[in-house]
N, C-alpha and C. Protein backbone atom coordinates (compact mmCIF):
# COMPACT_ATOMS: atom_id res chain seq x y z
N UNK A 1 43.58 -66.40 66.57
CA UNK A 1 42.42 -65.85 65.30
C UNK A 1 41.24 -66.66 65.71
N UNK A 2 41.18 -67.80 66.25
CA UNK A 2 40.01 -68.20 66.29
C UNK A 2 39.11 -67.40 67.49
N UNK A 3 40.37 -67.13 68.53
CA UNK A 3 39.15 -66.31 69.39
C UNK A 3 38.78 -65.07 69.21
N UNK A 4 39.48 -64.44 68.21
CA UNK A 4 39.37 -63.05 67.41
C UNK A 4 37.77 -63.24 66.85
N UNK A 5 37.24 -64.22 66.05
CA UNK A 5 36.24 -64.94 65.32
C UNK A 5 35.68 -64.83 66.68
N UNK A 6 35.75 -65.45 67.65
CA UNK A 6 34.57 -65.86 68.62
C UNK A 6 34.40 -64.53 68.92
N UNK A 7 35.46 -63.37 69.44
CA UNK A 7 35.13 -61.96 70.19
C UNK A 7 34.01 -61.12 68.67
N UNK A 8 34.58 -61.04 67.45
CA UNK A 8 33.59 -60.48 66.67
C UNK A 8 32.36 -61.12 66.85
N UNK A 9 32.06 -62.50 66.69
CA UNK A 9 30.86 -62.92 66.97
C UNK A 9 30.10 -62.47 68.14
N UNK A 10 30.46 -62.20 68.99
CA UNK A 10 29.92 -62.30 70.51
C UNK A 10 29.60 -60.60 70.43
N UNK A 11 30.70 -59.84 69.75
CA UNK A 11 30.31 -58.09 69.51
C UNK A 11 28.77 -57.87 68.49
N UNK A 12 29.08 -58.75 67.72
CA UNK A 12 27.99 -59.02 66.86
C UNK A 12 26.76 -59.10 67.59
N UNK A 13 26.58 -60.55 68.27
CA UNK A 13 25.31 -60.75 68.94
C UNK A 13 25.26 -59.92 70.01
N UNK A 14 26.08 -59.04 70.45
CA UNK A 14 25.77 -57.83 71.65
C UNK A 14 25.05 -56.76 70.97
N UNK A 15 25.57 -56.62 69.60
CA UNK A 15 24.48 -55.65 68.72
C UNK A 15 23.51 -55.93 68.69
N UNK A 16 23.16 -57.33 68.32
CA UNK A 16 21.51 -57.65 68.03
C UNK A 16 20.90 -57.75 69.35
N UNK A 17 21.82 -57.69 70.44
CA UNK A 17 20.95 -57.91 72.00
C UNK A 17 19.98 -56.22 71.84
N UNK A 18 21.27 -55.67 71.69
CA UNK A 18 21.03 -53.85 72.00
C UNK A 18 19.68 -53.67 70.83
N UNK A 19 20.01 -53.81 69.57
CA UNK A 19 18.79 -53.74 68.85
C UNK A 19 17.59 -54.51 69.42
N UNK A 20 17.40 -55.78 69.98
CA UNK A 20 16.40 -56.22 70.50
C UNK A 20 16.04 -55.22 71.66
N UNK A 21 17.03 -54.60 72.67
CA UNK A 21 16.56 -53.84 73.17
C UNK A 21 15.75 -52.64 72.89
N UNK A 22 16.12 -52.19 71.56
CA UNK A 22 15.32 -50.86 71.09
C UNK A 22 14.45 -51.29 70.76
N UNK A 23 13.91 -52.21 70.02
CA UNK A 23 12.52 -53.14 69.64
C UNK A 23 11.96 -53.11 70.62
N UNK A 24 12.13 -53.77 71.76
CA UNK A 24 11.79 -53.92 73.00
C UNK A 24 11.27 -52.39 73.50
N UNK A 25 12.05 -51.24 73.60
CA UNK A 25 11.53 -49.90 73.76
C UNK A 25 10.29 -49.53 72.77
N UNK A 26 10.54 -49.67 71.94
CA UNK A 26 9.62 -49.51 70.69
C UNK A 26 8.27 -50.05 71.14
N UNK A 27 8.12 -51.25 71.12
CA UNK A 27 7.24 -51.74 71.47
C UNK A 27 6.58 -51.24 72.92
N UNK A 28 7.32 -51.01 73.96
CA UNK A 28 6.86 -50.55 74.66
C UNK A 28 5.84 -48.93 74.76
N UNK A 29 6.75 -47.86 73.62
CA UNK A 29 6.22 -46.70 73.56
C UNK A 29 5.11 -47.12 72.71
N UNK A 30 4.91 -48.02 71.99
CA UNK A 30 3.41 -48.22 70.90
C UNK A 30 2.57 -48.83 71.79
N UNK A 31 2.50 -49.37 72.96
CA UNK A 31 1.81 -49.78 74.01
C UNK A 31 1.14 -48.90 74.62
N UNK A 32 2.15 -47.96 74.84
CA UNK A 32 1.86 -46.84 75.40
C UNK A 32 0.62 -45.93 74.45
N UNK A 33 1.02 -45.71 73.59
CA UNK A 33 0.25 -45.02 72.86
C UNK A 33 -0.84 -45.73 72.00
N UNK A 34 -1.17 -46.91 72.64
CA UNK A 34 -2.29 -47.99 71.93
C UNK A 34 -3.07 -47.66 73.34
N UNK A 35 -2.74 -47.57 74.39
CA UNK A 35 -3.56 -47.51 75.49
C UNK A 35 -3.82 -45.95 75.71
N UNK A 36 -3.12 -44.89 75.10
CA UNK A 36 -3.55 -43.54 75.41
C UNK A 36 -4.63 -43.07 74.07
N UNK A 37 -4.78 -44.31 73.18
CA UNK A 37 -5.59 -43.97 72.04
C UNK A 37 -6.68 -44.37 72.78
N UNK A 38 -7.05 -45.85 73.36
CA UNK A 38 -7.97 -46.44 73.77
C UNK A 38 -8.34 -45.53 74.77
N UNK A 39 -8.07 -45.06 75.22
CA UNK A 39 -8.36 -44.11 76.60
C UNK A 39 -9.14 -43.05 75.69
N UNK A 40 -8.52 -42.40 75.08
CA UNK A 40 -8.92 -41.37 74.24
C UNK A 40 -10.66 -41.76 73.47
N UNK A 41 -10.18 -42.86 72.74
CA UNK A 41 -11.19 -43.58 72.32
C UNK A 41 -12.49 -43.51 72.64
N UNK A 42 -12.38 -44.28 74.51
CA UNK A 42 -13.40 -44.09 75.09
C UNK A 42 -14.21 -43.09 75.63
N UNK A 43 -13.46 -41.96 75.90
CA UNK A 43 -13.84 -40.52 76.19
C UNK A 43 -14.34 -40.02 75.17
N UNK A 44 -14.02 -40.26 73.84
CA UNK A 44 -14.93 -39.82 72.91
C UNK A 44 -15.95 -40.14 72.65
N UNK A 45 -16.07 -41.88 73.06
CA UNK A 45 -17.70 -42.89 72.52
C UNK A 45 -18.36 -41.75 73.72
N UNK A 46 -17.74 -41.84 75.01
CA UNK A 46 -18.90 -41.43 76.16
C UNK A 46 -19.03 -39.96 75.81
N UNK A 47 -18.46 -38.86 75.24
CA UNK A 47 -18.97 -37.75 74.82
C UNK A 47 -19.82 -37.71 73.72
N UNK A 48 -19.72 -38.77 72.94
CA UNK A 48 -20.87 -38.76 71.68
C UNK A 48 -21.91 -39.13 72.17
N UNK A 49 -21.64 -40.42 73.15
CA UNK A 49 -23.28 -40.77 73.71
C UNK A 49 -24.06 -39.80 74.46
N UNK A 50 -23.11 -38.81 75.00
CA UNK A 50 -23.94 -37.84 75.64
C UNK A 50 -24.84 -36.52 74.87
N UNK A 51 -23.72 -36.39 73.72
CA UNK A 51 -24.11 -35.24 72.56
C UNK A 51 -24.93 -35.65 71.90
N UNK A 52 -25.14 -37.68 71.27
CA UNK A 52 -25.73 -37.91 70.39
C UNK A 52 -24.78 -38.07 69.16
N UNK A 53 -24.91 -38.65 68.73
CA UNK A 53 -23.76 -39.40 67.26
C UNK A 53 -24.34 -38.69 66.41
N UNK A 54 -23.56 -37.72 65.71
CA UNK A 54 -23.70 -37.25 64.12
C UNK A 54 -22.63 -37.83 63.20
N UNK A 55 -23.10 -37.65 61.99
CA UNK A 55 -22.19 -38.28 60.98
C UNK A 55 -21.14 -37.84 61.34
N UNK A 56 -20.49 -36.67 61.76
CA UNK A 56 -18.94 -36.28 61.75
C UNK A 56 -18.15 -37.17 62.78
N UNK A 57 -18.99 -37.07 63.95
CA UNK A 57 -18.62 -37.70 65.13
C UNK A 57 -18.59 -39.44 64.78
N UNK A 58 -19.25 -40.28 63.97
CA UNK A 58 -19.29 -41.16 63.69
C UNK A 58 -18.00 -41.29 62.76
N UNK A 59 -17.70 -40.76 61.80
CA UNK A 59 -16.72 -40.93 61.02
C UNK A 59 -15.13 -40.55 61.76
N UNK A 60 -15.13 -39.86 62.67
CA UNK A 60 -13.65 -39.46 63.77
C UNK A 60 -13.65 -40.84 64.38
N UNK A 61 -14.65 -41.56 64.81
CA UNK A 61 -14.62 -42.79 65.76
C UNK A 61 -13.82 -43.87 64.86
N UNK A 62 -14.56 -44.03 63.72
CA UNK A 62 -13.97 -44.65 62.33
C UNK A 62 -12.59 -44.67 62.53
N UNK A 63 -12.31 -43.49 62.10
CA UNK A 63 -10.68 -43.23 62.16
C UNK A 63 -9.94 -43.17 62.94
N UNK A 64 -10.54 -43.06 64.27
CA UNK A 64 -9.61 -43.54 65.43
C UNK A 64 -9.47 -45.44 65.75
N UNK A 65 -11.11 -46.00 65.38
CA UNK A 65 -10.50 -47.04 65.27
C UNK A 65 -9.82 -47.78 64.35
N UNK A 66 -9.69 -47.12 63.24
CA UNK A 66 -8.57 -48.10 61.87
C UNK A 66 -6.99 -47.31 62.72
N UNK A 67 -6.86 -46.03 63.41
CA UNK A 67 -5.54 -46.05 63.86
C UNK A 67 -5.43 -47.02 65.24
N UNK A 68 -6.01 -47.57 66.02
CA UNK A 68 -6.27 -48.21 66.90
C UNK A 68 -5.28 -49.86 66.17
N UNK A 69 -6.33 -49.87 65.36
CA UNK A 69 -6.02 -51.39 64.47
C UNK A 69 -4.91 -51.20 63.76
N UNK A 70 -4.14 -50.22 63.05
CA UNK A 70 -2.95 -50.32 62.93
C UNK A 70 -2.15 -50.33 63.89
N UNK A 71 -2.14 -49.67 64.90
CA UNK A 71 -1.09 -50.02 66.01
C UNK A 71 -0.94 -51.02 66.72
N UNK A 72 -2.42 -51.79 66.70
CA UNK A 72 -2.13 -53.18 67.13
C UNK A 72 -1.55 -54.27 66.20
N UNK A 73 -1.65 -53.96 65.20
CA UNK A 73 -0.92 -54.40 63.91
C UNK A 73 0.66 -54.34 64.29
N UNK A 74 1.37 -53.18 64.78
CA UNK A 74 2.18 -52.90 64.53
C UNK A 74 3.23 -53.29 65.92
N UNK A 75 2.03 -53.24 66.87
CA UNK A 75 2.59 -53.99 68.31
C UNK A 75 2.97 -55.20 68.04
N UNK A 76 1.84 -55.97 67.28
CA UNK A 76 2.03 -57.21 66.99
C UNK A 76 3.21 -58.00 66.38
N UNK A 77 3.84 -56.84 65.18
CA UNK A 77 4.87 -57.16 64.61
C UNK A 77 6.11 -56.90 65.35
N UNK A 78 5.95 -56.12 66.06
CA UNK A 78 7.09 -55.93 67.14
C UNK A 78 7.34 -57.08 67.58
N UNK A 79 6.47 -57.48 68.52
CA UNK A 79 6.53 -58.55 69.72
C UNK A 79 7.03 -59.53 68.78
N UNK A 80 6.30 -60.18 67.52
CA UNK A 80 7.13 -60.97 67.00
C UNK A 80 8.59 -60.89 66.38
N UNK A 81 9.07 -59.56 65.93
CA UNK A 81 10.34 -59.35 65.92
C UNK A 81 11.17 -59.55 67.09
N UNK A 82 10.45 -59.14 68.19
CA UNK A 82 11.43 -59.52 69.54
C UNK A 82 11.45 -60.78 69.79
N UNK A 83 10.56 -61.43 69.99
CA UNK A 83 10.84 -63.09 69.83
C UNK A 83 11.42 -63.46 68.53
N UNK A 84 11.56 -63.15 67.74
CA UNK A 84 12.22 -63.86 66.54
C UNK A 84 14.13 -63.78 67.00
N UNK A 85 14.13 -61.99 67.43
CA UNK A 85 15.32 -61.97 67.80
C UNK A 85 15.89 -63.14 68.88
N UNK A 86 15.03 -62.58 70.19
CA UNK A 86 15.44 -63.67 70.93
C UNK A 86 15.82 -64.86 70.94
N UNK A 87 15.37 -65.61 69.93
CA UNK A 87 15.53 -66.86 69.76
C UNK A 87 16.44 -67.15 68.51
N UNK A 88 16.72 -65.83 67.87
CA UNK A 88 18.27 -66.09 67.19
C UNK A 88 19.66 -66.00 68.23
N UNK A 89 18.91 -65.40 68.89
CA UNK A 89 20.31 -65.04 70.05
C UNK A 89 20.41 -66.12 70.98
N UNK A 90 19.81 -66.82 71.37
CA UNK A 90 19.21 -68.25 71.86
C UNK A 90 20.42 -69.16 71.41
N UNK A 91 19.84 -69.43 69.66
CA UNK A 91 20.51 -69.84 69.00
C UNK A 91 21.97 -69.75 68.87
N UNK A 92 22.67 -68.35 68.81
CA UNK A 92 23.71 -68.06 68.65
C UNK A 92 24.67 -68.48 69.83
N UNK A 93 23.88 -67.90 71.05
CA UNK A 93 24.80 -68.21 72.22
C UNK A 93 24.72 -69.63 72.25
N UNK A 94 23.87 -70.70 72.19
CA UNK A 94 24.02 -72.17 72.03
C UNK A 94 25.19 -72.41 71.51
N UNK A 95 25.26 -72.42 70.44
CA UNK A 95 26.28 -72.56 68.83
C UNK A 95 27.73 -72.19 69.57
N UNK A 96 27.90 -70.80 70.21
CA UNK A 96 29.00 -70.49 70.65
C UNK A 96 29.41 -71.52 71.72
N UNK A 97 28.66 -71.70 72.45
CA UNK A 97 29.33 -72.40 73.61
C UNK A 97 29.24 -73.79 73.46
N UNK A 98 28.29 -74.03 72.44
CA UNK A 98 28.83 -75.88 71.62
C UNK A 98 30.41 -75.40 71.40
N UNK A 99 30.77 -74.54 70.30
CA UNK A 99 31.78 -74.36 69.78
C UNK A 99 33.11 -74.07 70.96
N UNK A 100 32.73 -73.90 71.82
CA UNK A 100 33.57 -73.49 72.88
C UNK A 100 34.20 -74.46 73.75
N UNK A 101 32.96 -75.51 73.94
CA UNK A 101 32.72 -76.48 74.56
C UNK A 101 34.14 -77.10 74.81
N UNK A 102 34.19 -78.23 73.84
CA UNK A 102 35.25 -79.13 73.08
C UNK A 102 37.04 -78.41 73.63
N UNK A 103 37.08 -77.15 73.54
CA UNK A 103 38.46 -76.28 74.04
C UNK A 103 38.43 -76.01 75.50
N UNK A 104 37.30 -75.55 75.90
CA UNK A 104 37.19 -75.64 77.19
C UNK A 104 37.78 -76.91 78.09
N UNK A 105 36.88 -77.86 77.64
CA UNK A 105 37.21 -79.06 78.02
C UNK A 105 38.48 -80.00 77.89
N UNK A 106 39.12 -79.29 77.10
CA UNK A 106 40.17 -79.79 76.41
C UNK A 106 40.99 -78.91 77.41
N UNK A 107 41.18 -77.98 77.85
CA UNK A 107 42.30 -76.97 78.45
C UNK A 107 42.00 -78.06 80.20
N UNK A 108 40.58 -77.64 80.30
CA UNK A 108 40.62 -78.54 81.76
C UNK A 108 41.38 -79.99 81.97
N UNK A 109 41.12 -80.73 80.95
CA UNK A 109 41.87 -82.36 81.06
C UNK A 109 43.68 -81.70 80.81
N UNK A 110 44.07 -80.54 80.21
CA UNK A 110 45.52 -80.52 80.07
C UNK A 110 45.59 -80.22 81.37
N UNK A 111 44.79 -79.30 81.91
CA UNK A 111 45.59 -78.51 82.77
C UNK A 111 45.43 -79.68 84.56
N UNK A 112 44.44 -80.02 84.42
CA UNK A 112 44.54 -81.53 85.25
C UNK A 112 45.50 -82.39 84.87
N UNK A 113 45.82 -82.57 83.90
CA UNK A 113 46.85 -83.96 83.44
C UNK A 113 48.44 -83.09 83.87
N UNK A 114 48.13 -81.80 84.28
CA UNK A 114 49.60 -81.25 84.38
C UNK A 114 49.84 -81.46 86.13
N UNK A 115 48.12 -81.37 86.85
CA UNK A 115 48.39 -81.21 87.93
C UNK A 115 48.85 -82.61 89.01
N UNK A 116 48.66 -83.91 88.27
CA UNK A 116 48.96 -85.18 88.40
C UNK A 116 50.19 -85.83 87.89
């Protein structure tokens, strides 16, 4: 029963790790989107510099800057979540190992006593 509980805990932790992997993938996608937006933004600024800045073009640039700021915030949020999940995973793993250590030591002592 104790091992079933440990297996359930480890299965739950594995699910959390998979969720963490999905968050990392989302973070990477956001980074790519951010890079793409930055590249497009630079291109638009270069085009506007050549053609002269008009009101509508300036308005579009501000909208792109707002999008860029939102994506940067989302990326920061995802990074923070990933760090939190990694910390939770490490804490859980450490706790499980601390829980299992006495049992493993007892088994090791028992097996070495039987050999003597």
